[in-house]
C-alpha cells in the first residue's frame, strides 16, 4: 500500500510525539541488552516502538503508558541483524553452554574451562 504524503506526515508526527512522551508507544520492549554493533558495548535499556519504528532507546520508563509491553528478560537486541527496522532479540548465552561446547557455528574463541566453572555447571 502506498502512503500519501499527508498520511506519512501524520505517521511521522505520531512517532515524534511518542518519542517525546506526548502519546503512547505502540510497544515497549523492557529490559533488553542493546548491542552497539560498532563498538561491541552492551547496555541494559528499554526500546520504544511506534508505527513499526524504533523511536526511543532509554533505561527510563516512558511518561505515558505504552499500548503493549514485552518483557525482554535480558535478551540481546542487535540492530540490523535481520534487515528489519526492529531490533532482533536473542536469548543471552548461558555460561554453562560454552563449557559444554554449545557454541554457535564459527565461534572459535577459547573458553575458560576452569575447575570452578565446571563445578558450578555440574560438569
PDB file of N, CA and C in Angstrom:
ATOM      1  N   UNK A   1       0.839  -1.177   0.000  1.00  0.00           N
ATOM      2  CA  UNK A   1       0.000   0.000   0.000  1.00  0.00           C
ATOM      3  C   UNK A   1       0.885   1.242   0.000  1.00  0.00           C
ATOM      4  N   UNK A   2       0.629   2.139  -0.866  1.00  0.00           N
ATOM      5  CA  UNK A   2       1.404   3.365  -0.977  1.00  0.00           C
ATOM      6  C   UNK A   2       0.745   4.440  -0.122  1.00  0.00           C
ATOM      7  N   UNK A   3       1.557   5.084   0.724  1.00  0.00           N
ATOM      8  CA  UNK A   3       1.037   6.146   1.580  1.00  0.00           C
ATOM      9  C   UNK A   3       1.093   7.479   0.851  1.00  0.00           C
ATOM     10  N   UNK A   4       0.089   8.281   1.106  1.00  0.00           N
ATOM     11  CA  UNK A   4       0.128   9.648   0.579  1.00  0.00           C
ATOM     12  C   UNK A   4       1.078  10.465   1.453  1.00  0.00           C
ATOM     13  N   UNK A   5       1.477  11.611   0.953  1.00  0.00           N
ATOM     14  CA  UNK A   5       2.364  12.481   1.722  1.00  0.00           C
ATOM     15  C   UNK A   5       1.720  12.884   3.053  1.00  0.00           C
ATOM     16  N   UNK A   6       0.429  13.128   3.019  1.00  0.00           N
ATOM     17  CA  UNK A   6      -0.282  13.514   4.241  1.00  0.00           C
ATOM     18  C   UNK A   6      -0.296  12.398   5.271  1.00  0.00           C
ATOM     19  N   UNK A   7      -0.523  11.163   4.822  1.00  0.00           N
ATOM     20  CA  UNK A   7      -0.527  10.017   5.736  1.00  0.00           C
ATOM     21  C   UNK A   7       0.852   9.801   6.344  1.00  0.00           C
ATOM     22  N   UNK A   8       1.886   9.908   5.510  1.00  0.00           N
ATOM     23  CA  UNK A   8       3.257   9.728   6.000  1.00  0.00           C
ATOM     24  C   UNK A   8       3.618  10.829   6.999  1.00  0.00           C
ATOM     25  N   UNK A   9       3.192  12.069   6.719  1.00  0.00           N
ATOM     26  CA  UNK A   9       3.457  13.172   7.625  1.00  0.00           C
ATOM     27  C   UNK A   9       2.774  12.941   8.975  1.00  0.00           C
ATOM     28  N   UNK A  10       1.526  12.485   8.961  1.00  0.00           N
ATOM     29  CA  UNK A  10       0.812  12.192  10.211  1.00  0.00           C
ATOM     30  C   UNK A  10       1.497  11.071  10.988  1.00  0.00           C
ATOM     31  N   UNK A  11       1.993  10.063  10.277  1.00  0.00           N
ATOM     32  CA  UNK A  11       2.703   8.969  10.932  1.00  0.00           C
ATOM     33  C   UNK A  11       3.988   9.481  11.599  1.00  0.00           C
ATOM     34  N   UNK A  12       4.731  10.325  10.899  1.00  0.00           N
ATOM     35  CA  UNK A  12       5.958  10.898  11.460  1.00  0.00           C
ATOM     36  C   UNK A  12       5.648  11.771  12.677  1.00  0.00           C
ATOM     37  N   UNK A  13       4.586  12.566  12.616  1.00  0.00           N
ATOM     38  CA  UNK A  13       4.195  13.391  13.755  1.00  0.00           C
ATOM     39  C   UNK A  13       3.860  12.515  14.962  1.00  0.00           C
ATOM     40  N   UNK A  14       3.158  11.416  14.717  1.00  0.00           N
ATOM     41  CA  UNK A  14       2.803  10.493  15.793  1.00  0.00           C
ATOM     42  C   UNK A  14       4.059   9.854  16.399  1.00  0.00           C
ATOM     43  N   UNK A  15       5.012   9.476  15.560  1.00  0.00           N
ATOM     44  CA  UNK A  15       6.258   8.885  16.056  1.00  0.00           C
ATOM     45  C   UNK A  15       7.044   9.895  16.894  1.00  0.00           C
ATOM     46  N   UNK A  16       7.102  11.141  16.442  1.00  0.00           N
ATOM     47  CA  UNK A  16       7.813  12.179  17.188  1.00  0.00           C
ATOM     48  C   UNK A  16       7.115  12.449  18.519  1.00  0.00           C
ATOM     49  N   UNK A  17       5.785  12.508  18.507  1.00  0.00           N
ATOM     50  CA  UNK A  17       5.031  12.728  19.750  1.00  0.00           C
ATOM     51  C   UNK A  17       5.282  11.598  20.746  1.00  0.00           C
ATOM     52  N   UNK A  18       5.335  10.377  20.259  1.00  0.00           N
ATOM     53  CA  UNK A  18       5.613   9.242  21.141  1.00  0.00           C
ATOM     54  C   UNK A  18       7.042   9.321  21.683  1.00  0.00           C
ATOM     55  N   UNK A  19       7.991   9.738  20.848  1.00  0.00           N
ATOM     56  CA  UNK A  19       9.386   9.859  21.292  1.00  0.00           C
ATOM     57  C   UNK A  19       9.516  10.900  22.399  1.00  0.00           C
ATOM     58  N   UNK A  20       8.711  11.963  22.333  1.00  0.00           N
ATOM     59  CA  UNK A  20       8.733  12.996  23.363  1.00  0.00           C
ATOM     60  C   UNK A  20       7.819  12.677  24.546  1.00  0.00           C
ATOM     61  N   UNK A  21       7.133  11.541  24.509  1.00  0.00           N
ATOM     62  CA  UNK A  21       6.287  11.142  25.624  1.00  0.00           C
ATOM     63  C   UNK A  21       4.939  11.813  25.665  1.00  0.00           C
ATOM     64  N   UNK A  22       4.500  12.358  24.542  1.00  0.00           N
ATOM     65  CA  UNK A  22       3.201  13.031  24.499  1.00  0.00           C
ATOM     66  C   UNK A  22       2.069  12.093  24.101  1.00  0.00           C
ATOM     67  N   UNK A  23       2.399  10.949  23.536  1.00  0.00           N
ATOM     68  CA  UNK A  23       1.384   9.938  23.244  1.00  0.00           C
ATOM     69  C   UNK A  23       2.008   8.556  23.468  1.00  0.00           C
ATOM     70  N   UNK A  24       1.172   7.533  23.633  1.00  0.00           N
ATOM     71  CA  UNK A  24       1.718   6.225  23.997  1.00  0.00           C
ATOM     72  C   UNK A  24       2.490   5.555  22.856  1.00  0.00           C
ATOM     73  N   UNK A  25       3.497   4.795  23.255  1.00  0.00           N
ATOM     74  CA  UNK A  25       4.204   3.934  22.308  1.00  0.00           C
ATOM     75  C   UNK A  25       3.294   2.773  21.951  1.00  0.00           C
ATOM     76  N   UNK A  26       3.452   2.221  20.753  1.00  0.00           N
ATOM     77  CA  UNK A  26       2.713   1.007  20.403  1.00  0.00           C
ATOM     78  C   UNK A  26       3.247  -0.179  21.192  1.00  0.00           C
ATOM     79  N   UNK A  27       4.559  -0.188  21.411  1.00  0.00           N
ATOM     80  CA  UNK A  27       5.208  -1.310  22.094  1.00  0.00           C
ATOM     81  C   UNK A  27       6.421  -0.806  22.853  1.00  0.00           C
ATOM     82  N   UNK A  28       6.576  -1.249  24.096  1.00  0.00           N
ATOM     83  CA  UNK A  28       7.778  -1.009  24.880  1.00  0.00           C
ATOM     84  C   UNK A  28       8.438  -2.363  25.124  1.00  0.00           C
ATOM     85  N   UNK A  29       9.650  -2.527  24.650  1.00  0.00           N
ATOM     86  CA  UNK A  29      10.426  -3.736  24.906  1.00  0.00           C
ATOM     87  C   UNK A  29      11.315  -3.416  26.102  1.00  0.00           C
ATOM     88  N   UNK A  30      10.995  -4.026  27.248  1.00  0.00           N
ATOM     89  CA  UNK A  30      11.668  -3.704  28.505  1.00  0.00           C
ATOM     90  C   UNK A  30      12.854  -4.627  28.766  1.00  0.00           C
ATOM     91  N   UNK A  31      13.860  -4.053  29.412  1.00  0.00           N
ATOM     92  CA  UNK A  31      14.982  -4.821  29.954  1.00  0.00           C
ATOM     93  C   UNK A  31      15.672  -5.703  28.922  1.00  0.00           C
ATOM     94  N   UNK A  32      16.176  -5.060  27.878  1.00  0.00           N
ATOM     95  CA  UNK A  32      16.969  -5.785  26.881  1.00  0.00           C
ATOM     96  C   UNK A  32      18.399  -5.271  26.922  1.00  0.00           C
ATOM     97  N   UNK A  33      19.301  -6.109  26.503  1.00  0.00           N
ATOM     98  CA  UNK A  33      20.711  -5.728  26.397  1.00  0.00           C
ATOM     99  C   UNK A  33      20.954  -5.314  24.947  1.00  0.00           C
ATOM    100  N   UNK A  34      21.081  -4.017  24.737  1.00  0.00           N
ATOM    101  CA  UNK A  34      21.266  -3.471  23.398  1.00  0.00           C
ATOM    102  C   UNK A  34      22.748  -3.507  23.049  1.00  0.00           C
ATOM    103  N   UNK A  35      23.052  -4.140  21.922  1.00  0.00           N
ATOM    104  CA  UNK A  35      24.431  -4.280  21.467  1.00  0.00           C
ATOM    105  C   UNK A  35      24.754  -3.171  20.474  1.00  0.00           C
ATOM    106  N   UNK A  36      25.809  -2.405  20.763  1.00  0.00           N
ATOM    107  CA  UNK A  36      26.316  -1.438  19.804  1.00  0.00           C
ATOM    108  C   UNK A  36      27.176  -2.224  18.821  1.00  0.00           C
ATOM    109  N   UNK A  37      26.710  -2.373  17.594  1.00  0.00           N
ATOM    110  CA  UNK A  37      27.390  -3.244  16.633  1.00  0.00           C
ATOM    111  C   UNK A  37      28.714  -2.657  16.151  1.00  0.00           C
ATOM    112  N   UNK A  38      28.971  -1.395  16.453  1.00  0.00           N
ATOM    113  CA  UNK A  38      30.234  -0.776  16.050  1.00  0.00           C
ATOM    114  C   UNK A  38      31.301  -0.904  17.128  1.00  0.00           C
ATOM    115  N   UNK A  39      30.904  -0.701  18.397  1.00  0.00           N
ATOM    116  CA  UNK A  39      31.893  -0.728  19.482  1.00  0.00           C
ATOM    117  C   UNK A  39      31.898  -2.042  20.246  1.00  0.00           C
ATOM    118  N   UNK A  40      30.793  -2.790  20.162  1.00  0.00           N
ATOM    119  CA  UNK A  40      30.683  -4.024  20.938  1.00  0.00           C
ATOM    120  C   UNK A  40      30.163  -3.790  22.350  1.00  0.00           C
ATOM    121  N   UNK A  41      29.918  -2.540  22.738  1.00  0.00           N
ATOM    122  CA  UNK A  41      29.378  -2.249  24.068  1.00  0.00           C
ATOM    123  C   UNK A  41      27.949  -2.762  24.172  1.00  0.00           C
ATOM    124  N   UNK A  42      27.582  -3.175  25.382  1.00  0.00           N
ATOM    125  CA  UNK A  42      26.237  -3.678  25.644  1.00  0.00           C
ATOM    126  C   UNK A  42      25.659  -2.897  26.817  1.00  0.00           C
ATOM    127  N   UNK A  43      24.438  -2.367  26.658  1.00  0.00           N
ATOM    128  CA  UNK A  43      23.778  -1.625  27.733  1.00  0.00           C
ATOM    129  C   UNK A  43      22.393  -2.196  27.980  1.00  0.00           C
ATOM    130  N   UNK A  44      21.984  -2.198  29.241  1.00  0.00           N
ATOM    131  CA  UNK A  44      20.635  -2.627  29.610  1.00  0.00           C
ATOM    132  C   UNK A  44      19.709  -1.433  29.421  1.00  0.00           C
ATOM    133  N   UNK A  45      18.657  -1.593  28.631  1.00  0.00           N
ATOM    134  CA  UNK A  45      17.798  -0.464  28.292  1.00  0.00           C
ATOM    135  C   UNK A  45      16.394  -0.929  27.919  1.00  0.00           C
ATOM    136  N   UNK A  46      15.547   0.022  27.575  1.00  0.00           N
ATOM    137  CA  UNK A  46      14.198  -0.221  27.063  1.00  0.00           C
ATOM    138  C   UNK A  46      14.130   0.356  25.654  1.00  0.00           C
ATOM    139  N   UNK A  47      13.362  -0.278  24.785  1.00  0.00           N
ATOM    140  CA  UNK A  47      13.226   0.181  23.405  1.00  0.00           C
ATOM    141  C   UNK A  47      11.754   0.474  23.140  1.00  0.00           C
ATOM    142  N   UNK A  48      11.472   1.695  22.699  1.00  0.00           N
ATOM    143  CA  UNK A  48      10.105   2.111  22.395  1.00  0.00           C
ATOM    144  C   UNK A  48       9.847   2.099  20.897  1.00  0.00           C
ATOM    145  N   UNK A  49       8.709   1.542  20.509  1.00  0.00           N
ATOM    146  CA  UNK A  49       8.368   1.394  19.091  1.00  0.00           C
ATOM    147  C   UNK A  49       7.010   2.047  18.824  1.00  0.00           C
ATOM    148  N   UNK A  50       6.962   2.820  17.743  1.00  0.00           N
ATOM    149  CA  UNK A  50       5.718   3.469  17.321  1.00  0.00           C
ATOM    150  C   UNK A  50       5.604   3.320  15.808  1.00  0.00           C
ATOM    151  N   UNK A  51       4.483   2.806  15.334  1.00  0.00           N
ATOM    152  CA  UNK A  51       4.222   2.629  13.892  1.00  0.00           C
ATOM    153  C   UNK A  51       5.350   1.855  13.216  1.00  0.00           C
ATOM    154  N   UNK A  52       5.838   0.804  13.901  1.00  0.00           N
ATOM    155  CA  UNK A  52       6.832  -0.080  13.299  1.00  0.00           C
ATOM    156  C   UNK A  52       8.257   0.425  13.302  1.00  0.00           C
ATOM    157  N   UNK A  53       8.511   1.541  13.960  1.00  0.00           N
ATOM    158  CA  UNK A  53       9.869   2.106  14.005  1.00  0.00           C
ATOM    159  C   UNK A  53      10.308   2.341  15.442  1.00  0.00           C
ATOM    160  N   UNK A  54      11.602   2.130  15.688  1.00  0.00           N
ATOM    161  CA  UNK A  54      12.172   2.434  16.994  1.00  0.00           C
ATOM    162  C   UNK A  54      12.219   3.949  17.134  1.00  0.00           C
ATOM    163  N   UNK A  55      11.583   4.459  18.202  1.00  0.00           N
ATOM    164  CA  UNK A  55      11.561   5.910  18.417  1.00  0.00           C
ATOM    165  C   UNK A  55      12.249   6.317  19.722  1.00  0.00           C
ATOM    166  N   UNK A  56      12.434   5.378  20.640  1.00  0.00           N
ATOM    167  CA  UNK A  56      13.156   5.686  21.879  1.00  0.00           C
ATOM    168  C   UNK A  56      14.039   4.511  22.273  1.00  0.00           C
ATOM    169  N   UNK A  57      15.172   4.861  22.834  1.00  0.00           N
ATOM    170  CA  UNK A  57      16.063   3.887  23.478  1.00  0.00           C
ATOM    171  C   UNK A  57      16.491   4.556  24.770  1.00  0.00           C
ATOM    172  N   UNK A  58      15.993   4.050  25.894  1.00  0.00           N
ATOM    173  CA  UNK A  58      16.240   4.707  27.169  1.00  0.00           C
ATOM    174  C   UNK A  58      16.089   3.716  28.314  1.00  0.00           C
ATOM    175  N   UNK A  59      16.926   3.844  29.356  1.00  0.00           N
ATOM    176  CA  UNK A  59      16.738   2.986  30.528  1.00  0.00           C
ATOM    177  C   UNK A  59      15.533   3.424  31.371  1.00  0.00           C
ATOM    178  N   UNK A  60      15.002   4.629  31.100  1.00  0.00           N
ATOM    179  CA  UNK A  60      13.855   5.156  31.854  1.00  0.00           C
ATOM    180  C   UNK A  60      12.537   4.668  31.254  1.00  0.00           C
ATOM    181  N   UNK A  61      11.518   4.556  32.106  1.00  0.00           N
ATOM    182  CA  UNK A  61      10.171   4.223  31.625  1.00  0.00           C
ATOM    183  C   UNK A  61       9.579   5.442  30.928  1.00  0.00           C
ATOM    184  N   UNK A  62       8.770   5.246  29.888  1.00  0.00           N
ATOM    185  CA  UNK A  62       8.151   6.394  29.213  1.00  0.00           C
ATOM    186  C   UNK A  62       7.108   7.052  30.117  1.00  0.00           C
ATOM    187  N   UNK A  63       6.887   8.370  29.945  1.00  0.00           N
ATOM    188  CA  UNK A  63       5.917   9.061  30.797  1.00  0.00           C
ATOM    189  C   UNK A  63       4.463   8.637  30.547  1.00  0.00           C
ATOM    190  N   UNK A  64       4.154   8.186  29.336  1.00  0.00           N
ATOM    191  CA  UNK A  64       2.802   7.737  29.001  1.00  0.00           C
ATOM    192  C   UNK A  64       2.832   6.215  28.872  1.00  0.00           C
ATOM    193  N   UNK A  65       1.861   5.544  29.486  1.00  0.00           N
ATOM    194  CA  UNK A  65       1.830   4.083  29.460  1.00  0.00           C
ATOM    195  C   UNK A  65       1.720   3.571  28.020  1.00  0.00           C
ATOM    196  N   UNK A  66       2.624   2.650  27.613  1.00  0.00           N
ATOM    197  CA  UNK A  66       2.557   2.107  26.253  1.00  0.00           C
ATOM    198  C   UNK A  66       1.336   1.219  26.048  1.00  0.00           C
ATOM    199  N   UNK A  67       0.953   1.039  24.800  1.00  0.00           N
ATOM    200  CA  UNK A  67      -0.190   0.184  24.476  1.00  0.00           C
ATOM    201  C   UNK A  67       0.118  -1.275  24.815  1.00  0.00           C
ATOM    202  N   UNK A  68       1.333  -1.714  24.518  1.00  0.00           N
ATOM    203  CA  UNK A  68       1.744  -3.091  24.828  1.00  0.00           C
ATOM    204  C   UNK A  68       3.160  -3.072  25.401  1.00  0.00           C
ATOM    205  N   UNK A  69       3.432  -4.043  26.288  1.00  0.00           N
ATOM    206  CA  UNK A  69       4.759  -4.168  26.894  1.00  0.00           C
ATOM    207  C   UNK A  69       5.249  -5.590  26.675  1.00  0.00           C
ATOM    208  N   UNK A  70       6.488  -5.708  26.211  1.00  0.00           N
ATOM    209  CA  UNK A  70       7.127  -7.010  26.051  1.00  0.00           C
ATOM    210  C   UNK A  70       8.316  -7.043  26.998  1.00  0.00           C
ATOM    211  N   UNK A  71       8.335  -8.026  27.889  1.00  0.00           N
ATOM    212  CA  UNK A  71       9.444  -8.160  28.838  1.00  0.00           C
ATOM    213  C   UNK A  71      10.600  -8.865  28.149  1.00  0.00           C
ATOM    214  N   UNK A  72      11.706  -8.143  27.980  1.00  0.00           N
ATOM    215  CA  UNK A  72      12.870  -8.669  27.271  1.00  0.00           C
ATOM    216  C   UNK A  72      13.677  -9.685  28.058  1.00  0.00           C
ATOM    217  N   UNK A  73      13.527  -9.705  29.392  1.00  0.00           N
ATOM    218  CA  UNK A  73      14.233 -10.675  30.238  1.00  0.00           C
ATOM    219  C   UNK A  73      15.718 -10.776  29.913  1.00  0.00           C
ATOM    220  N   UNK A  74      16.385  -9.637  29.739  1.00  0.00           N
ATOM    221  CA  UNK A  74      17.827  -9.585  29.482  1.00  0.00           C
ATOM    222  C   UNK A  74      18.239 -10.228  28.162  1.00  0.00           C
ATOM    223  N   UNK A  75      17.288 -10.369  27.213  1.00  0.00           N
ATOM    224  CA  UNK A  75      17.689 -10.843  25.886  1.00  0.00           C
ATOM    225  C   UNK A  75      18.520  -9.761  25.217  1.00  0.00           C
ATOM    226  N   UNK A  76      19.292 -10.144  24.225  1.00  0.00           N
ATOM    227  CA  UNK A  76      20.103  -9.197  23.482  1.00  0.00           C
ATOM    228  C   UNK A  76      19.300  -8.636  22.312  1.00  0.00           C
ATOM    229  N   UNK A  77      19.386  -7.329  22.113  1.00  0.00           N
ATOM    230  CA  UNK A  77      18.802  -6.664  20.954  1.00  0.00           C
ATOM    231  C   UNK A  77      19.961  -6.236  20.066  1.00  0.00           C
ATOM    232  N   UNK A  78      19.945  -6.723  18.838  1.00  0.00           N
ATOM    233  CA  UNK A  78      21.046  -6.448  17.924  1.00  0.00           C
ATOM    234  C   UNK A  78      20.482  -5.751  16.693  1.00  0.00           C
ATOM    235  N   UNK A  79      20.715  -4.440  16.559  1.00  0.00           N
ATOM    236  CA  UNK A  79      20.168  -3.711  15.411  1.00  0.00           C
ATOM    237  C   UNK A  79      20.738  -4.207  14.089  1.00  0.00           C
ATOM    238  N   UNK A  80      19.867  -4.328  13.095  1.00  0.00           N
ATOM    239  CA  UNK A  80      20.316  -4.648  11.745  1.00  0.00           C
ATOM    240  C   UNK A  80      20.614  -6.096  11.475  1.00  0.00           C
ATOM    241  N   UNK A  81      20.448  -6.969  12.460  1.00  0.00           N
ATOM    242  CA  UNK A  81      20.806  -8.366  12.253  1.00  0.00           C
ATOM    243  C   UNK A  81      19.909  -9.043  11.224  1.00  0.00           C
ATOM    244  N   UNK A  82      18.640  -8.649  11.183  1.00  0.00           N
ATOM    245  CA  UNK A  82      17.723  -9.300  10.253  1.00  0.00           C
ATOM    246  C   UNK A  82      17.168  -8.348   9.195  1.00  0.00           C
ATOM    247  N   UNK A  83      17.807  -7.203   9.004  1.00  0.00           N
ATOM    248  CA  UNK A  83      17.434  -6.227   7.973  1.00  0.00           C
ATOM    249  C   UNK A  83      16.002  -5.720   8.098  1.00  0.00           C
ATOM    250  N   UNK A  84      15.503  -5.691   9.285  1.00  0.00           N
ATOM    251  CA  UNK A  84      14.178  -5.124   9.547  1.00  0.00           C
ATOM    252  C   UNK A  84      14.367  -3.877  10.398  1.00  0.00           C
ATOM    253  N   UNK A  85      13.367  -2.994  10.440  1.00  0.00           N
ATOM    254  CA  UNK A  85      13.548  -1.791  11.250  1.00  0.00           C
ATOM    255  C   UNK A  85      13.557  -2.065  12.748  1.00  0.00           C
ATOM    256  N   UNK A  86      13.057  -3.216  13.178  1.00  0.00           N
ATOM    257  CA  UNK A  86      13.036  -3.534  14.601  1.00  0.00           C
ATOM    258  C   UNK A  86      14.266  -4.360  14.966  1.00  0.00           C
ATOM    259  N   UNK A  87      14.777  -4.189  16.182  1.00  0.00           N
ATOM    260  CA  UNK A  87      15.954  -4.966  16.560  1.00  0.00           C
ATOM    261  C   UNK A  87      15.617  -6.441  16.703  1.00  0.00           C
ATOM    262  N   UNK A  88      16.598  -7.287  16.498  1.00  0.00           N
ATOM    263  CA  UNK A  88      16.449  -8.725  16.618  1.00  0.00           C
ATOM    264  C   UNK A  88      16.756  -9.102  18.052  1.00  0.00           C
ATOM    265  N   UNK A  89      15.924  -9.912  18.685  1.00  0.00           N
ATOM    266  CA  UNK A  89      16.130 -10.303  20.069  1.00  0.00           C
ATOM    267  C   UNK A  89      16.578 -11.752  20.140  1.00  0.00           C
ATOM    268  N   UNK A  90      17.644 -12.003  20.919  1.00  0.00           N
ATOM    269  CA  UNK A  90      18.105 -13.368  21.138  1.00  0.00           C
ATOM    270  C   UNK A  90      18.296 -13.584  22.625  1.00  0.00           C
ATOM    271  N   UNK A  91      18.185 -14.827  23.056  1.00  0.00           N
ATOM    272  CA  UNK A  91      18.422 -15.157  24.456  1.00  0.00           C
ATOM    273  C   UNK A  91      19.896 -14.972  24.780  1.00  0.00           C
ATOM    274  N   UNK A  92      20.196 -14.533  26.021  1.00  0.00           N
ATOM    275  CA  UNK A  92      21.595 -14.395  26.393  1.00  0.00           C
ATOM    276  C   UNK A  92      22.262 -15.766  26.460  1.00  0.00           C
ATOM    277  N   UNK A  93      23.542 -15.842  26.109  1.00  0.00           N
ATOM    278  CA  UNK A  93      24.221 -17.121  26.189  1.00  0.00           C
ATOM    279  C   UNK A  93      24.375 -17.541  27.646  1.00  0.00           C
ATOM    280  N   UNK A  94      24.177 -18.792  27.914  1.00  0.00           N
ATOM    281  CA  UNK A  94      24.344 -19.312  29.266  1.00  0.00           C
ATOM    282  C   UNK A  94      25.795 -19.720  29.435  1.00  0.00           C
ATOM    283  N   UNK A  95      26.444 -19.295  30.532  1.00  0.00           N
ATOM    284  CA  UNK A  95      27.865 -19.601  30.685  1.00  0.00           C
ATOM    285  C   UNK A  95      28.162 -21.093  30.687  1.00  0.00           C
ATOM    286  N   UNK A  96      27.220 -21.910  31.134  1.00  0.00           N
ATOM    287  CA  UNK A  96      27.458 -23.355  31.153  1.00  0.00           C
ATOM    288  C   UNK A  96      27.385 -23.946  29.754  1.00  0.00           C
ATOM    289  N   UNK A  97      26.643 -23.301  28.848  1.00  0.00           N
ATOM    290  CA  UNK A  97      26.553 -23.800  27.472  1.00  0.00           C
ATOM    291  C   UNK A  97      27.898 -23.797  26.790  1.00  0.00           C
ATOM    292  N   UNK A  98      28.687 -22.747  27.023  1.00  0.00           N
ATOM    293  CA  UNK A  98      30.016 -22.683  26.408  1.00  0.00           C
ATOM    294  C   UNK A  98      30.921 -23.774  26.961  1.00  0.00           C
ATOM    295  N   UNK A  99      30.763 -24.091  28.239  1.00  0.00           N
ATOM    296  CA  UNK A  99      31.582 -25.155  28.827  1.00  0.00           C
ATOM    297  C   UNK A  99      31.227 -26.518  28.251  1.00  0.00           C
ATOM    298  N   UNK A 100      29.949 -26.700  27.897  1.00  0.00           N
ATOM    299  CA  UNK A 100      29.530 -27.980  27.319  1.00  0.00           C
ATOM    300  C   UNK A 100      29.826 -28.048  25.829  1.00  0.00           C
ATOM    301  N   UNK A 101      30.284 -26.932  25.277  1.00  0.00           N
ATOM    302  CA  UNK A 101      30.584 -26.922  23.846  1.00  0.00           C
ATOM    303  C   UNK A 101      29.429 -26.443  22.995  1.00  0.00           C
ATOM    304  N   UNK A 102      28.387 -25.851  23.628  1.00  0.00           N
ATOM    305  CA  UNK A 102      27.223 -25.353  22.883  1.00  0.00           C
ATOM    306  C   UNK A 102      27.529 -23.968  22.318  1.00  0.00           C
ATOM    307  N   UNK A 103      28.457 -23.862  21.404  1.00  0.00           N
ATOM    308  CA  UNK A 103      28.828 -22.578  20.832  1.00  0.00           C
ATOM    309  C   UNK A 103      28.254 -22.467  19.436  1.00  0.00           C
ATOM    310  N   UNK A 104      27.973 -21.235  19.017  1.00  0.00           N
ATOM    311  CA  UNK A 104      27.438 -21.061  17.666  1.00  0.00           C
ATOM    312  C   UNK A 104      28.473 -21.427  16.621  1.00  0.00           C
ATOM    313  N   UNK A 105      28.030 -21.833  15.424  1.00  0.00           N
ATOM    314  CA  UNK A 105      28.978 -22.165  14.364  1.00  0.00           C
ATOM    315  C   UNK A 105      29.885 -20.978  14.061  1.00  0.00           C
ATOM    316  N   UNK A 106      31.163 -21.241  13.892  1.00  0.00           N
ATOM    317  CA  UNK A 106      32.129 -20.192  13.583  1.00  0.00           C
ATOM    318  C   UNK A 106      32.704 -19.519  14.807  1.00  0.00           C
ATOM    319  N   UNK A 107      32.271 -19.894  16.019  1.00  0.00           N
ATOM    320  CA  UNK A 107      32.809 -19.310  17.243  1.00  0.00           C
ATOM    321  C   UNK A 107      34.037 -20.101  17.651  1.00  0.00           C
ATOM    322  N   UNK A 108      35.192 -19.556  17.361  1.00  0.00           N
ATOM    323  CA  UNK A 108      36.440 -20.254  17.668  1.00  0.00           C
ATOM    324  C   UNK A 108      37.147 -19.652  18.874  1.00  0.00           C
ATOM    325  N   UNK A 109      36.442 -18.817  19.655  1.00  0.00           N
ATOM    326  CA  UNK A 109      37.072 -18.198  20.813  1.00  0.00           C
ATOM    327  C   UNK A 109      37.355 -19.260  21.869  1.00  0.00           C
ATOM    328  N   UNK A 110      38.532 -19.162  22.512  1.00  0.00           N
ATOM    329  CA  UNK A 110      38.814 -20.115  23.592  1.00  0.00           C
ATOM    330  C   UNK A 110      37.885 -19.852  24.770  1.00  0.00           C
ATOM    331  N   UNK A 111      37.480 -20.897  25.462  1.00  0.00           N
ATOM    332  CA  UNK A 111      36.577 -20.796  26.599  1.00  0.00           C
ATOM    333  C   UNK A 111      37.341 -21.175  27.850  1.00  0.00           C
ATOM    334  N   UNK A 112      37.181 -20.364  28.919  1.00  0.00           N
ATOM    335  CA  UNK A 112      37.801 -20.684  30.200  1.00  0.00           C
ATOM    336  C   UNK A 112      37.077 -21.882  30.784  1.00  0.00           C
ATOM    337  N   UNK A 113      37.753 -22.973  30.882  1.00  0.00           N
ATOM    338  CA  UNK A 113      37.146 -24.206  31.394  1.00  0.00           C
ATOM    339  C   UNK A 113      37.754 -24.570  32.742  1.00  0.00           C
ATOM    340  N   UNK A 114      37.833 -23.575  33.650  1.00  0.00           N
ATOM    341  CA  UNK A 114      38.431 -23.798  34.958  1.00  0.00           C
ATOM    342  C   UNK A 114      37.592 -24.777  35.769  1.00  0.00           C
ATOM    343  N   UNK A 115      38.234 -25.369  36.780  1.00  0.00           N
ATOM    344  CA  UNK A 115      37.536 -26.350  37.619  1.00  0.00           C
ATOM    345  C   UNK A 115      36.342 -25.729  38.335  1.00  0.00           C
ATOM    346  N   UNK A 116      36.468 -24.445  38.774  1.00  0.00           N
ATOM    347  CA  UNK A 116      35.351 -23.784  39.454  1.00  0.00           C
ATOM    348  C   UNK A 116      34.150 -23.653  38.540  1.00  0.00           C
ATOM    349  N   UNK A 117      34.384 -23.274  37.287  1.00  0.00           N
ATOM    350  CA  UNK A 117      33.287 -23.161  36.331  1.00  0.00           C
ATOM    351  C   UNK A 117      32.676 -24.521  36.050  1.00  0.00           C
ATOM    352  N   UNK A 118      33.489 -25.529  35.934  1.00  0.00           N
ATOM    353  CA  UNK A 118      32.978 -26.882  35.670  1.00  0.00           C
ATOM    354  C   UNK A 118      32.079 -27.349  36.829  1.00  0.00           C
ATOM    355  N   UNK A 119      32.472 -27.061  38.063  1.00  0.00           N
ATOM    356  CA  UNK A 119      31.666 -27.494  39.217  1.00  0.00           C
ATOM    357  C   UNK A 119      30.339 -26.744  39.266  1.00  0.00           C
ATOM    358  N   UNK A 120      30.341 -25.435  39.004  1.00  0.00           N
ATOM    359  CA  UNK A 120      29.102 -24.667  39.021  1.00  0.00           C
ATOM    360  C   UNK A 120      28.126 -25.174  37.982  1.00  0.00           C
ATOM    361  N   UNK A 121      28.630 -25.658  36.864  1.00  0.00           N
ATOM    362  CA  UNK A 121      27.761 -26.113  35.770  1.00  0.00           C
ATOM    363  C   UNK A 121      27.480 -27.611  35.849  1.00  0.00           C
ATOM    364  N   UNK A 122      27.980 -28.271  36.880  1.00  0.00           N
ATOM    365  CA  UNK A 122      27.720 -29.702  37.039  1.00  0.00           C
ATOM    366  C   UNK A 122      28.437 -30.586  36.036  1.00  0.00           C
ATOM    367  N   UNK A 123      29.622 -30.167  35.601  1.00  0.00           N
ATOM    368  CA  UNK A 123      30.388 -30.964  34.618  1.00  0.00           C
ATOM    369  C   UNK A 123      31.530 -31.674  35.304  1.00  0.00           C
TER     370      UNK A 123
END
